[in-house]
Amino acid sequence: MEQGETRMESSGPSLQALLADEKNHLFKHVLDNLIDGVYFTDRNRRITYWNQAAEHLSGYSADEVLGRCCADNLLMHVDEAGRVLCQGECPLSRTISDGRPHRAEVYLHHKDGHRVPVEVRVCPIQDKNGDVVGAVEIFQDNSRQRAVRERAKELAKWAFLDPASQLGNRRYLERQLSVHLDQYAKGGSPFGIILADVDELKRINDTYGHVAGDGALASVARTLAGCLRVSDVVGRWGGDEFLAILPGITKEVLAAACEKCRALVASSSLPVDSLRVPLTISAGAAMVAPGDSQESLIRRADQYLYASKNSGRNRVRC
């Protein structure tokens, strides 16, 4: 399908007539060239239009989604706690139900399996009698993901990039820890760290191959990068471990961030052939304390991580 060509399902609600009108040629062209993802659904949430940005942000082509329900193993929006919204508090469902616009910050399911933070805005589609016959959802990659991409460029420039995860490498994380510890010792604000381990990565490697194992690392990395703040630092500590540094927080906020990371990774998956391999992490979190060195702070987080692993995996301790 060439650029600018309209992606639509012929049985869409009133949209067909809208887009078929020659006077709306400019409208069609603009929709297919927006940087925001746009899709239309009928009252049953069956997708009738899918623009190019939606393809880019979700990984799904128009051919893969047209005629399917948006909740049908596709976007599967979840909130920051990992709760599935498509069967309950979905903004699109609410708009179709009450006829009012809704917006929310959610995490969509990318075709590759990881979670992508997006802001969604939904408006009703009405017929000439004012009855709701469908909805249009606009979604955009929020600033955190854009910041992650810019940070990756900077890391690559200074040889701080881990190629497998596209996050900072251990050398970069050690420098960041040193900076934060020095600032804290001089009276700066406290900070916390999260040490996370990909559960059963060896089993994934042994069962599906090392390409799948590398994919699992990359998927978890993208989800972690997307669910933390722009001011937070996250990178690959080594092997199957990731380290995040969260400045200016309390123990309660650190615990909530740790649980958020766990929940969002647990709601993701890795596509391997026709299968969806579930992914989870175990994590330990620790706040900096007076007199801490890198070694002592990491040791405390690692003890909590071990407790999470020992209690059954897919757990957090802090």
Protein backbone atom coordinates (compact mmCIF):
# COMPACT_ATOMS: atom_id res chain seq x y z
CA MET A 1 0.00 0.00 0.00
CA GLU A 2 1.56 3.29 -1.06
CA GLN A 3 1.98 6.31 1.19
CA GLY A 4 -1.16 8.39 1.39
CA GLU A 5 -3.44 5.50 0.44
CA THR A 6 -6.38 5.16 2.80
CA ARG A 7 -6.52 2.13 5.08
CA MET A 8 -10.15 1.26 5.70
CA GLU A 9 -12.48 -1.67 6.12
CA SER A 10 -15.36 -1.43 3.71
CA SER A 11 -17.99 -2.18 6.33
CA GLY A 12 -17.05 0.70 8.65
CA PRO A 13 -19.73 2.93 10.18
CA SER A 14 -20.40 6.11 8.19
CA LEU A 15 -16.62 6.34 7.77
CA GLN A 16 -16.85 4.73 4.34
CA ALA A 17 -19.06 7.50 3.06
CA LEU A 18 -16.85 10.06 4.73
CA LEU A 19 -13.66 8.85 3.11
CA ALA A 20 -15.24 8.03 -0.24
CA ASP A 21 -16.20 11.66 -0.80
CA GLU A 22 -13.74 13.17 -3.27
CA LYS A 23 -13.78 16.43 -1.33
CA ASN A 24 -12.12 14.63 1.58
CA HIS A 25 -8.98 13.67 -0.35
CA LEU A 26 -6.92 16.08 1.75
CA PHE A 27 -8.47 14.63 4.92
CA LYS A 28 -7.40 11.12 3.88
CA HIS A 29 -3.88 12.26 3.04
CA VAL A 30 -3.46 14.09 6.37
CA LEU A 31 -4.67 11.12 8.42
CA ASP A 32 -2.23 8.73 6.78
CA ASN A 33 0.68 11.09 7.38
CA LEU A 34 0.10 12.15 10.98
CA ILE A 35 2.80 11.32 13.51
CA ASP A 36 0.03 10.19 15.89
CA GLY A 37 -1.59 6.79 15.56
CA VAL A 38 -5.24 6.99 14.49
CA TYR A 39 -7.81 4.26 14.19
CA PHE A 40 -11.60 4.06 13.80
CA THR A 41 -13.90 1.37 15.13
CA ASP A 42 -17.58 0.52 14.86
CA ARG A 43 -19.83 0.08 17.91
CA ASN A 44 -18.42 -3.41 18.47
CA ARG A 45 -14.90 -1.95 18.53
CA ARG A 46 -14.10 -3.63 15.21
CA ILE A 47 -11.29 -1.68 13.51
CA THR A 48 -12.31 -0.01 10.25
CA TYR A 49 -9.35 2.33 9.67
CA TRP A 50 -5.67 2.21 10.70
CA ASN A 51 -3.15 4.87 9.72
CA GLN A 52 0.57 4.58 9.07
CA ALA A 53 1.59 6.01 12.46
CA ALA A 54 -0.55 3.35 14.15
CA GLU A 55 1.45 0.76 12.21
CA HIS A 56 4.73 2.30 13.36
CA LEU A 57 3.78 2.72 17.04
CA SER A 58 2.18 -0.71 17.47
CA GLY A 59 4.11 -2.87 14.99
CA TYR A 60 0.84 -4.09 13.43
CA SER A 61 0.13 -3.38 9.77
CA ALA A 62 -3.29 -2.30 8.53
CA ASP A 63 -3.74 -5.67 6.84
CA GLU A 64 -3.28 -7.40 10.21
CA VAL A 65 -5.86 -5.36 12.12
CA LEU A 66 -8.67 -4.25 9.79
CA GLY A 67 -11.87 -6.06 10.64
CA ARG A 68 -10.58 -7.25 14.00
CA CYS A 69 -11.60 -6.06 17.46
CA CYS A 70 -9.05 -3.76 19.07
CA ALA A 71 -9.06 -6.03 22.15
CA ASP A 72 -8.54 -9.17 20.08
CA ASN A 73 -4.97 -9.98 21.07
CA LEU A 74 -3.83 -6.65 19.65
CA LEU A 75 -3.22 -3.44 21.60
CA MET A 76 -4.49 -4.89 24.90
CA HIS A 77 -4.13 -1.63 26.83
CA VAL A 78 -3.06 -1.95 30.46
CA ASP A 79 -2.63 0.65 33.18
CA GLU A 80 0.59 1.17 35.12
CA ALA A 81 -0.36 -1.65 37.50
CA GLY A 82 -0.57 -4.07 34.56
CA ARG A 83 -4.38 -4.34 34.75
CA VAL A 84 -5.99 -5.16 31.40
CA LEU A 85 -8.35 -2.34 30.35
CA CYS A 86 -9.93 -3.81 27.23
CA GLN A 87 -12.54 -5.75 29.19
CA GLY A 88 -13.35 -2.96 31.63
CA GLU A 89 -12.15 0.63 31.91
CA CYS A 90 -11.09 0.98 28.28
CA PRO A 91 -11.35 4.66 27.20
CA LEU A 92 -12.75 3.59 23.81
CA SER A 93 -15.46 1.43 25.41
CA ARG A 94 -16.46 4.28 27.68
CA THR A 95 -16.75 6.67 24.75
CA ILE A 96 -18.95 4.26 22.81
CA SER A 97 -21.06 3.73 25.93
CA ASP A 98 -21.54 7.33 27.07
CA GLY A 99 -20.89 9.25 23.84
CA ARG A 100 -18.29 11.49 25.49
CA PRO A 101 -14.58 12.02 24.72
CA HIS A 102 -12.09 10.32 27.03
CA ARG A 103 -8.33 10.37 27.44
CA ALA A 104 -5.86 8.31 29.42
CA GLU A 105 -2.22 7.35 29.75
CA VAL A 106 -1.91 3.63 29.10
CA TYR A 107 0.54 1.01 27.88
CA LEU A 108 -0.24 -0.66 24.59
CA HIS A 109 0.94 -4.11 23.55
CA HIS A 110 3.49 -3.89 20.74
CA LYS A 111 3.53 -6.70 18.20
CA ASP A 112 7.05 -7.57 19.37
CA GLY A 113 5.67 -8.20 22.86
CA HIS A 114 6.91 -5.26 24.93
CA ARG A 115 4.81 -2.49 26.43
CA VAL A 116 4.80 1.04 24.96
CA PRO A 117 3.61 4.03 27.04
CA VAL A 118 1.08 6.09 25.06
CA GLU A 119 -1.44 8.83 25.67
CA VAL A 120 -4.80 7.99 24.09
CA ARG A 121 -7.65 10.36 23.20
CA VAL A 122 -10.98 8.95 22.09
CA CYS A 123 -13.96 10.72 20.50
CA PRO A 124 -17.32 9.28 19.41
CA ILE A 125 -18.43 8.91 15.78
CA GLN A 126 -22.09 9.86 15.43
CA ASP A 127 -24.60 9.41 12.63
CA LYS A 128 -26.92 12.16 11.38
CA ASN A 129 -29.34 11.43 14.23
CA GLY A 130 -26.64 11.89 16.86
CA ASP A 131 -26.44 8.19 17.68
CA VAL A 132 -22.98 6.80 18.46
CA VAL A 133 -21.98 4.39 15.69
CA GLY A 134 -18.28 4.04 16.53
CA ALA A 135 -15.25 5.86 17.85
CA VAL A 136 -11.92 7.26 16.77
CA GLU A 137 -8.84 6.82 18.95
CA ILE A 138 -5.70 8.92 18.60
CA PHE A 139 -2.61 7.70 20.40
CA GLN A 140 0.91 9.01 20.61
CA ASP A 141 4.21 7.85 21.96
CA ASN A 142 4.68 9.90 25.09
CA SER A 143 7.77 11.91 25.99
CA ARG A 144 9.40 9.15 28.00
CA GLN A 145 9.95 6.94 24.96
CA ARG A 146 11.27 9.89 22.93
CA ALA A 147 13.68 10.69 25.77
CA VAL A 148 14.84 7.07 25.81
CA ARG A 149 15.71 7.23 22.11
CA GLU A 150 17.62 10.49 22.53
CA ARG A 151 19.48 9.06 25.52
CA ALA A 152 20.47 6.00 23.47
CA LYS A 153 22.04 8.26 20.85
CA GLU A 154 24.08 10.03 23.52
CA LEU A 155 25.15 6.75 25.11
CA ALA A 156 26.32 5.40 21.77
CA LYS A 157 28.35 8.54 21.15
CA TRP A 158 30.30 8.06 24.40
CA ALA A 159 30.57 4.24 24.15
CA PHE A 160 28.18 3.80 27.09
CA LEU A 161 25.53 1.89 25.11
CA ASP A 162 24.82 -1.80 25.67
CA PRO A 163 24.00 -3.05 22.15
CA ALA A 164 21.75 -5.92 23.24
CA SER A 165 19.38 -3.81 25.34
CA GLN A 166 19.95 -0.38 23.75
CA LEU A 167 20.31 0.96 27.30
CA GLY A 168 23.31 2.18 29.25
CA ASN A 169 26.02 -0.39 29.95
CA ARG A 170 27.61 -1.24 33.30
CA ARG A 171 30.38 1.33 32.84
CA TYR A 172 27.75 4.03 32.41
CA LEU A 173 25.75 2.84 35.41
CA GLU A 174 28.83 2.77 37.65
CA ARG A 175 29.59 6.37 36.69
CA GLN A 176 26.01 7.41 37.40
CA LEU A 177 26.06 5.65 40.78
CA SER A 178 29.31 7.41 41.64
CA VAL A 179 27.81 10.80 40.78
CA HIS A 180 24.65 10.20 42.82
CA LEU A 181 26.58 8.85 45.82
CA ASP A 182 28.89 11.87 45.75
CA GLN A 183 25.95 14.28 45.57
CA TYR A 184 24.19 12.47 48.41
CA ALA A 185 27.31 12.62 50.61
CA LYS A 186 27.46 16.38 50.05
CA GLY A 187 23.92 16.85 51.30
CA GLY A 188 22.00 16.11 48.15
CA SER A 189 18.60 14.49 47.96
CA PRO A 190 18.27 10.73 48.54
CA PHE A 191 17.92 8.23 45.75
CA GLY A 192 17.06 4.58 45.36
CA ILE A 193 18.05 1.75 43.07
CA ILE A 194 16.21 -1.21 41.57
CA LEU A 195 18.12 -4.36 40.66
CA ALA A 196 15.99 -6.55 38.40
CA ASP A 197 16.67 -10.00 37.02
CA VAL A 198 14.90 -11.59 34.02
CA ASP A 199 13.26 -14.76 35.31
CA GLU A 200 14.28 -18.07 33.72
CA LEU A 201 16.31 -16.52 30.92
CA LYS A 202 18.42 -19.70 30.75
CA ARG A 203 15.27 -21.77 30.16
CA ILE A 204 14.24 -19.40 27.35
CA ASN A 205 17.71 -19.76 25.80
CA ASP A 206 17.70 -23.54 26.14
CA THR A 207 14.14 -23.97 24.89
CA TYR A 208 13.90 -21.39 22.10
CA GLY A 209 17.52 -20.52 21.30
CA HIS A 210 19.84 -17.63 22.04
CA VAL A 211 18.12 -15.35 19.53
CA ALA A 212 14.98 -15.64 21.64
CA GLY A 213 17.03 -15.02 24.78
CA ASP A 214 18.44 -11.84 23.27
CA GLY A 215 14.90 -10.87 22.29
CA ALA A 216 13.73 -11.38 25.87
CA LEU A 217 16.46 -9.06 27.15
CA ALA A 218 15.58 -6.40 24.57
CA SER A 219 11.85 -6.67 25.31
CA VAL A 220 12.32 -6.31 29.07
CA ALA A 221 14.71 -3.40 28.49
CA ARG A 222 12.15 -1.52 26.37
CA THR A 223 9.39 -2.08 28.93
CA LEU A 224 11.57 -0.92 31.83
CA ALA A 225 12.72 2.16 29.92
CA GLY A 226 9.12 3.04 29.12
CA CYS A 227 7.72 2.73 32.63
CA LEU A 228 10.29 4.82 34.52
CA ARG A 229 10.56 8.60 34.69
CA VAL A 230 12.67 10.61 32.25
CA SER A 231 14.90 11.62 35.17
CA ASP A 232 15.56 7.99 36.11
CA VAL A 233 18.56 6.06 34.79
CA VAL A 234 18.17 2.44 33.69
CA GLY A 235 20.71 0.16 32.08
CA ARG A 236 22.01 -3.37 31.81
CA TRP A 237 24.08 -4.29 34.85
CA GLY A 238 25.25 -7.55 33.29
CA GLY A 239 23.97 -10.92 32.12
CA ASP A 240 20.24 -10.99 32.79
CA GLU A 241 20.28 -8.11 35.30
CA PHE A 242 19.16 -4.51 34.91
CA LEU A 243 19.84 -1.62 37.26
CA ALA A 244 17.74 1.54 37.64
CA ILE A 245 18.72 4.64 39.60
CA LEU A 246 15.80 6.79 40.78
CA PRO A 247 16.82 10.20 42.19
CA GLY A 248 14.82 12.36 44.59
CA ILE A 249 12.38 9.74 45.87
CA THR A 250 11.16 8.18 49.11
CA LYS A 251 11.15 4.51 50.03
CA GLU A 252 7.40 4.38 49.35
CA VAL A 253 7.79 5.83 45.86
CA LEU A 254 10.69 3.46 45.18
CA ALA A 255 8.56 0.47 46.21
CA ALA A 256 5.72 1.64 43.95
CA ALA A 257 8.09 2.11 41.00
CA CYS A 258 9.55 -1.35 41.57
CA GLU A 259 6.10 -2.94 41.58
CA LYS A 260 5.14 -0.96 38.48
CA CYS A 261 8.16 -2.36 36.62
CA ARG A 262 7.29 -5.90 37.68
CA ALA A 263 3.62 -5.58 36.70
CA LEU A 264 4.30 -4.13 33.26
CA VAL A 265 6.94 -6.71 32.38
CA ALA A 266 4.56 -9.46 33.56
CA SER A 267 1.91 -8.13 31.16
CA SER A 268 4.34 -8.34 28.21
CA SER A 269 5.49 -11.35 26.19
CA LEU A 270 8.01 -12.48 23.61
CA PRO A 271 6.79 -13.69 20.20
CA VAL A 272 8.61 -16.86 19.14
CA ASP A 273 7.26 -18.35 15.92
CA SER A 274 3.55 -18.84 16.65
CA LEU A 275 4.01 -18.75 20.43
CA ARG A 276 3.90 -15.99 23.03
CA VAL A 277 6.52 -16.65 25.69
CA PRO A 278 5.63 -14.94 28.99
CA LEU A 279 8.23 -12.67 30.55
CA THR A 280 8.66 -11.74 34.20
CA ILE A 281 11.29 -10.16 36.40
CA SER A 282 12.25 -10.47 40.03
CA ALA A 283 13.53 -7.29 41.64
CA GLY A 284 15.10 -5.87 44.76
CA ALA A 285 15.12 -2.18 45.64
CA ALA A 286 17.17 -0.24 48.18
CA MET A 287 17.43 3.37 49.31
CA VAL A 288 20.84 4.98 49.75
CA ALA A 289 22.04 5.25 53.35
CA PRO A 290 24.80 7.33 55.01
CA GLY A 291 28.23 5.86 54.39
CA ASP A 292 27.09 3.76 51.43
CA SER A 293 29.51 2.77 48.71
CA GLN A 294 28.49 1.36 45.35
CA GLU A 295 29.25 -2.10 46.67
CA SER A 296 27.18 -1.81 49.86
CA LEU A 297 24.17 -0.28 48.09
CA ILE A 298 24.21 -2.90 45.34
CA ARG A 299 24.66 -5.65 47.94
CA ARG A 300 21.46 -4.62 49.78
CA ALA A 301 19.45 -4.51 46.55
CA ASP A 302 20.90 -7.88 45.55
CA GLN A 303 19.82 -9.41 48.88
CA TYR A 304 16.26 -8.24 48.24
CA LEU A 305 16.48 -9.56 44.68
CA TYR A 306 17.58 -12.95 45.98
CA ALA A 307 14.61 -12.95 48.39
CA SER A 308 12.28 -12.23 45.46
CA LYS A 309 13.75 -15.11 43.46
CA ASN A 310 13.65 -17.44 46.45
CA SER A 311 9.96 -16.69 47.11
CA GLY A 312 8.84 -17.84 43.66
CA ARG A 313 10.00 -15.24 41.10
CA ASN A 314 7.90 -12.44 39.59
CA ARG A 315 8.21 -10.70 42.97
CA VAL A 316 9.69 -7.49 44.35
CA ARG A 317 11.30 -6.80 47.73
CA CYS A 318 12.59 -3.58 49.21
